[in-house]
Every structure is written in structure tokens, then in C-alpha cells.
């Protein structure tokens, strides 16, 4: 299994266990958590560099994607951005 296959499974697991998240939110949370576990770091730069290597894309692109995940809607770029309601994740995390 390649790391990309592992990432796909990881994102699917996040989506399954946190159904209140939109698909983009679950995908970026999957990227964050997968990157943190495998890079053994929780720093934005470390995770972005690791994921850029695994996915073959630009570090700056991933860094921005990860950064916008935790920002409020008004601080994000684009017209249809949402603020993540973390309270919707509490229940599923407890089961």
C-alpha cells in the first residue's frame, strides 16, 4: 500500500467518524492528522512539507490549505468559505 492509498483510507475514516463535517473539511482534517502522525510533528510547516512530498504538490499550496482549515470564514479566501463548528464533532469523538 502506498502512502497515498493510506491517506485515502485515512480520509474515509475521518469522514465516517465525523459525519457532520463537509467533504472538504473532512479531507483537510484527514490531511492534517495523517501528516501529523507520519511526520511525528504538529507544526504547520513540517506537516505541509511532508504532505507535499507524499502528494507531489507544492508546499505553499498545502500550507495554505491546512492554514485555512482552522480559520474563521471571514479570514479565508473565496466566497463560499465556512467556519468549522467544532461542537458538531464532540459527540462522534466520544463514541
N, C-alpha and C. Protein backbone atom coordinates (compact mmCIF):
# COMPACT_ATOMS: atom_id res chain seq x y z
N UNK A 1 0.83 -1.17 0.00
CA UNK A 1 0.00 0.00 0.00
C UNK A 1 0.89 1.25 0.00
N UNK A 2 0.58 2.16 -0.89
CA UNK A 2 1.34 3.41 -0.94
C UNK A 2 0.81 4.38 0.12
N UNK A 3 1.57 5.42 0.37
CA UNK A 3 1.12 6.41 1.34
C UNK A 3 -0.13 7.12 0.85
N UNK A 4 -0.25 7.30 -0.46
CA UNK A 4 -1.46 7.94 -0.99
C UNK A 4 -2.68 7.07 -0.75
N UNK A 5 -2.53 5.74 -0.89
CA UNK A 5 -3.62 4.82 -0.58
C UNK A 5 -3.98 4.92 0.90
N UNK A 6 -2.96 4.97 1.74
CA UNK A 6 -3.17 5.11 3.17
C UNK A 6 -3.89 6.40 3.51
N UNK A 7 -3.52 7.48 2.83
CA UNK A 7 -4.16 8.77 3.05
C UNK A 7 -5.63 8.70 2.65
N UNK A 8 -5.92 8.07 1.54
CA UNK A 8 -7.32 7.94 1.10
C UNK A 8 -8.15 7.18 2.13
N UNK A 9 -7.60 6.11 2.66
CA UNK A 9 -8.30 5.34 3.70
C UNK A 9 -8.47 6.18 4.97
N UNK A 10 -7.45 6.94 5.30
CA UNK A 10 -7.48 7.79 6.49
C UNK A 10 -8.59 8.84 6.37
N UNK A 11 -8.68 9.48 5.22
CA UNK A 11 -9.71 10.50 4.99
C UNK A 11 -11.09 9.86 5.04
N UNK A 12 -11.23 8.67 4.48
CA UNK A 12 -12.51 7.97 4.53
C UNK A 12 -12.91 7.66 5.97
N UNK A 13 -11.95 7.29 6.80
CA UNK A 13 -12.23 7.01 8.21
C UNK A 13 -12.66 8.28 8.93
N UNK A 14 -11.99 9.38 8.67
CA UNK A 14 -12.37 10.66 9.27
C UNK A 14 -13.81 11.02 8.87
N UNK A 15 -14.12 10.87 7.60
CA UNK A 15 -15.46 11.19 7.10
C UNK A 15 -16.53 10.31 7.76
N UNK A 16 -16.20 9.05 7.95
CA UNK A 16 -17.14 8.11 8.57
C UNK A 16 -17.40 8.46 10.03
N UNK A 17 -16.35 8.77 10.76
CA UNK A 17 -16.48 9.02 12.19
C UNK A 17 -16.94 10.44 12.54
N UNK A 18 -16.81 11.36 11.61
CA UNK A 18 -17.23 12.74 11.82
C UNK A 18 -18.17 13.17 10.70
N UNK A 19 -19.39 12.61 10.67
CA UNK A 19 -20.30 12.87 9.55
C UNK A 19 -20.79 14.31 9.44
N UNK A 20 -20.65 15.10 10.51
CA UNK A 20 -21.10 16.49 10.45
C UNK A 20 -20.17 17.37 9.61
N UNK A 21 -18.96 16.89 9.35
CA UNK A 21 -18.02 17.66 8.54
C UNK A 21 -18.39 17.55 7.06
N UNK A 22 -18.21 18.65 6.34
CA UNK A 22 -18.37 18.60 4.89
C UNK A 22 -17.22 17.78 4.31
N UNK A 23 -17.37 17.38 3.07
CA UNK A 23 -16.30 16.59 2.44
C UNK A 23 -14.97 17.35 2.43
N UNK A 24 -14.95 18.64 2.06
CA UNK A 24 -13.67 19.37 2.11
C UNK A 24 -13.10 19.47 3.53
N UNK A 25 -13.97 19.69 4.52
CA UNK A 25 -13.48 19.77 5.89
C UNK A 25 -12.89 18.44 6.35
N UNK A 26 -13.56 17.34 6.04
CA UNK A 26 -13.06 16.02 6.41
C UNK A 26 -11.75 15.70 5.69
N UNK A 27 -11.66 16.12 4.45
CA UNK A 27 -10.44 15.87 3.68
C UNK A 27 -9.25 16.60 4.28
N UNK A 28 -9.43 17.87 4.64
CA UNK A 28 -8.30 18.62 5.19
C UNK A 28 -7.97 18.14 6.61
N UNK A 29 -8.99 17.77 7.40
CA UNK A 29 -8.71 17.20 8.71
C UNK A 29 -7.94 15.89 8.55
N UNK A 30 -8.30 15.11 7.54
CA UNK A 30 -7.56 13.88 7.24
C UNK A 30 -6.12 14.17 6.85
N UNK A 31 -5.93 15.18 6.03
CA UNK A 31 -4.57 15.58 5.65
C UNK A 31 -3.76 15.99 6.88
N UNK A 32 -4.37 16.83 7.72
CA UNK A 32 -3.69 17.30 8.93
C UNK A 32 -3.28 16.13 9.81
N UNK A 33 -4.24 15.28 10.14
CA UNK A 33 -3.96 14.21 11.11
C UNK A 33 -3.01 13.17 10.52
N UNK A 34 -3.17 12.82 9.26
CA UNK A 34 -2.27 11.88 8.59
C UNK A 34 -0.85 12.44 8.58
N UNK A 35 -0.74 13.72 8.21
CA UNK A 35 0.57 14.36 8.16
C UNK A 35 1.23 14.44 9.53
N UNK A 36 0.44 14.72 10.56
CA UNK A 36 1.00 14.81 11.92
C UNK A 36 1.51 13.46 12.40
N UNK A 37 0.74 12.42 12.17
CA UNK A 37 1.13 11.09 12.64
C UNK A 37 2.40 10.62 11.94
N UNK A 38 2.44 10.73 10.63
CA UNK A 38 3.59 10.19 9.89
C UNK A 38 4.83 11.08 9.95
N UNK A 39 4.64 12.39 10.08
CA UNK A 39 5.81 13.26 10.19
C UNK A 39 6.29 13.39 11.64
N UNK A 40 5.47 12.90 12.56
CA UNK A 40 5.77 12.97 14.00
C UNK A 40 5.97 14.42 14.44
N UNK A 41 5.13 15.29 13.89
CA UNK A 41 5.18 16.71 14.19
C UNK A 41 3.79 17.30 14.02
N UNK A 42 3.50 18.34 14.77
CA UNK A 42 2.21 19.01 14.60
C UNK A 42 2.38 20.42 14.04
N UNK A 43 3.60 20.78 13.69
CA UNK A 43 3.86 22.10 13.13
C UNK A 43 3.36 22.23 11.71
N UNK A 44 2.78 23.36 11.41
CA UNK A 44 2.23 23.60 10.08
C UNK A 44 3.27 23.36 8.97
N UNK A 45 4.44 23.92 9.12
CA UNK A 45 5.47 23.77 8.09
C UNK A 45 5.91 22.32 7.94
N UNK A 46 6.13 21.64 9.04
CA UNK A 46 6.57 20.24 8.98
C UNK A 46 5.53 19.35 8.30
N UNK A 47 4.28 19.55 8.66
CA UNK A 47 3.21 18.74 8.06
C UNK A 47 3.06 19.08 6.58
N UNK A 48 3.12 20.35 6.23
CA UNK A 48 2.98 20.76 4.83
C UNK A 48 4.12 20.21 3.97
N UNK A 49 5.35 20.25 4.48
CA UNK A 49 6.49 19.71 3.73
C UNK A 49 6.33 18.21 3.53
N UNK A 50 5.94 17.51 4.59
CA UNK A 50 5.75 16.07 4.49
C UNK A 50 4.68 15.73 3.46
N UNK A 51 3.52 16.37 3.58
CA UNK A 51 2.42 16.07 2.66
C UNK A 51 2.74 16.45 1.22
N UNK A 52 3.45 17.56 1.03
CA UNK A 52 3.84 17.96 -0.33
C UNK A 52 4.71 16.90 -0.98
N UNK A 53 5.58 16.30 -0.19
CA UNK A 53 6.44 15.23 -0.70
C UNK A 53 5.62 14.00 -1.06
N UNK A 54 4.71 13.62 -0.19
CA UNK A 54 3.87 12.44 -0.41
C UNK A 54 2.94 12.63 -1.61
N UNK A 55 2.34 13.80 -1.70
CA UNK A 55 1.33 14.04 -2.73
C UNK A 55 1.90 14.61 -4.02
N UNK A 56 3.15 15.02 -4.00
CA UNK A 56 3.77 15.56 -5.20
C UNK A 56 3.19 16.91 -5.61
N UNK A 57 2.88 17.75 -4.64
CA UNK A 57 2.37 19.07 -4.97
C UNK A 57 3.20 20.13 -4.23
N UNK A 58 2.85 21.38 -4.44
CA UNK A 58 3.63 22.47 -3.87
C UNK A 58 3.38 22.61 -2.37
N UNK A 59 4.45 22.84 -1.66
CA UNK A 59 4.38 23.03 -0.21
C UNK A 59 3.49 24.23 0.14
N UNK A 60 3.63 25.32 -0.59
CA UNK A 60 2.85 26.53 -0.30
C UNK A 60 1.36 26.29 -0.46
N UNK A 61 0.98 25.49 -1.44
CA UNK A 61 -0.43 25.17 -1.66
C UNK A 61 -0.99 24.40 -0.48
N UNK A 62 -0.27 23.38 -0.05
CA UNK A 62 -0.72 22.59 1.09
C UNK A 62 -0.72 23.41 2.37
N UNK A 63 0.26 24.22 2.55
CA UNK A 63 0.35 25.06 3.74
C UNK A 63 -0.87 25.97 3.83
N UNK A 64 -1.25 26.59 2.73
CA UNK A 64 -2.43 27.47 2.72
C UNK A 64 -3.71 26.67 2.98
N UNK A 65 -3.81 25.51 2.40
CA UNK A 65 -5.00 24.66 2.60
C UNK A 65 -5.14 24.26 4.06
N UNK A 66 -4.04 23.86 4.68
CA UNK A 66 -4.06 23.49 6.09
C UNK A 66 -4.36 24.70 6.98
N UNK A 67 -3.78 25.82 6.65
CA UNK A 67 -3.96 27.04 7.44
C UNK A 67 -5.42 27.50 7.41
N UNK A 68 -6.04 27.45 6.25
CA UNK A 68 -7.41 27.92 6.14
C UNK A 68 -8.41 27.00 6.84
N UNK A 69 -8.02 25.76 7.11
CA UNK A 69 -8.93 24.83 7.77
C UNK A 69 -9.35 25.33 9.14
N UNK A 70 -8.44 25.92 9.86
CA UNK A 70 -8.76 26.33 11.23
C UNK A 70 -9.12 27.81 11.36
N UNK A 71 -9.17 28.53 10.29
CA UNK A 71 -9.53 29.95 10.34
C UNK A 71 -11.04 30.15 10.27
N UNK A 72 -11.49 31.33 10.75
CA UNK A 72 -12.90 31.70 10.63
C UNK A 72 -13.20 32.02 9.16
N UNK A 73 -14.47 31.92 8.79
CA UNK A 73 -14.87 32.11 7.40
C UNK A 73 -14.42 33.45 6.84
N UNK A 74 -14.54 34.51 7.64
CA UNK A 74 -14.17 35.84 7.13
C UNK A 74 -12.66 36.00 6.93
N UNK A 75 -11.88 35.10 7.48
CA UNK A 75 -10.43 35.15 7.32
C UNK A 75 -9.92 34.25 6.20
N UNK A 76 -10.85 33.58 5.52
CA UNK A 76 -10.47 32.66 4.44
C UNK A 76 -10.66 33.33 3.09
N UNK A 77 -9.97 32.81 2.10
CA UNK A 77 -10.11 33.32 0.75
C UNK A 77 -11.26 32.57 0.07
N UNK A 78 -11.99 33.27 -0.78
CA UNK A 78 -13.09 32.65 -1.50
C UNK A 78 -14.43 33.08 -0.94
N UNK A 79 -15.45 32.96 -1.77
CA UNK A 79 -16.78 33.45 -1.40
C UNK A 79 -17.60 32.46 -0.58
N UNK A 80 -17.36 31.18 -0.74
CA UNK A 80 -18.21 30.18 -0.09
C UNK A 80 -17.54 29.48 1.09
N UNK A 81 -16.63 30.13 1.74
CA UNK A 81 -15.91 29.52 2.86
C UNK A 81 -16.77 29.50 4.11
N UNK A 82 -16.58 28.47 4.94
CA UNK A 82 -17.36 28.32 6.16
C UNK A 82 -16.43 28.26 7.37
N UNK A 83 -16.98 28.63 8.51
CA UNK A 83 -16.29 28.44 9.77
C UNK A 83 -16.62 27.04 10.26
N UNK A 84 -15.63 26.34 10.75
CA UNK A 84 -15.85 24.99 11.26
C UNK A 84 -16.52 25.06 12.62
N UNK A 85 -17.66 24.38 12.78
CA UNK A 85 -18.34 24.30 14.06
C UNK A 85 -17.81 23.06 14.78
N UNK A 86 -16.81 23.26 15.63
CA UNK A 86 -16.16 22.12 16.28
C UNK A 86 -17.09 21.38 17.24
N UNK A 87 -18.10 22.06 17.75
CA UNK A 87 -19.02 21.39 18.68
C UNK A 87 -19.76 20.24 18.00
N UNK A 88 -19.90 20.29 16.69
CA UNK A 88 -20.57 19.19 15.97
C UNK A 88 -19.73 17.92 15.95
N UNK A 89 -18.47 18.03 16.32
CA UNK A 89 -17.56 16.88 16.32
C UNK A 89 -17.47 16.21 17.69
N UNK A 90 -17.94 16.88 18.74
CA UNK A 90 -17.75 16.36 20.09
C UNK A 90 -18.42 15.00 20.30
N UNK A 91 -19.69 14.90 19.92
CA UNK A 91 -20.43 13.65 20.11
C UNK A 91 -19.77 12.45 19.44
N UNK A 92 -19.47 12.54 18.16
CA UNK A 92 -18.83 11.40 17.49
C UNK A 92 -17.47 11.02 18.09
N UNK A 93 -16.75 12.00 18.63
CA UNK A 93 -15.45 11.70 19.23
C UNK A 93 -15.58 10.91 20.53
N UNK A 94 -16.72 11.05 21.18
CA UNK A 94 -16.94 10.35 22.45
C UNK A 94 -17.44 8.92 22.28
N UNK A 95 -17.90 8.56 21.08
CA UNK A 95 -18.42 7.21 20.88
C UNK A 95 -17.39 6.28 20.34
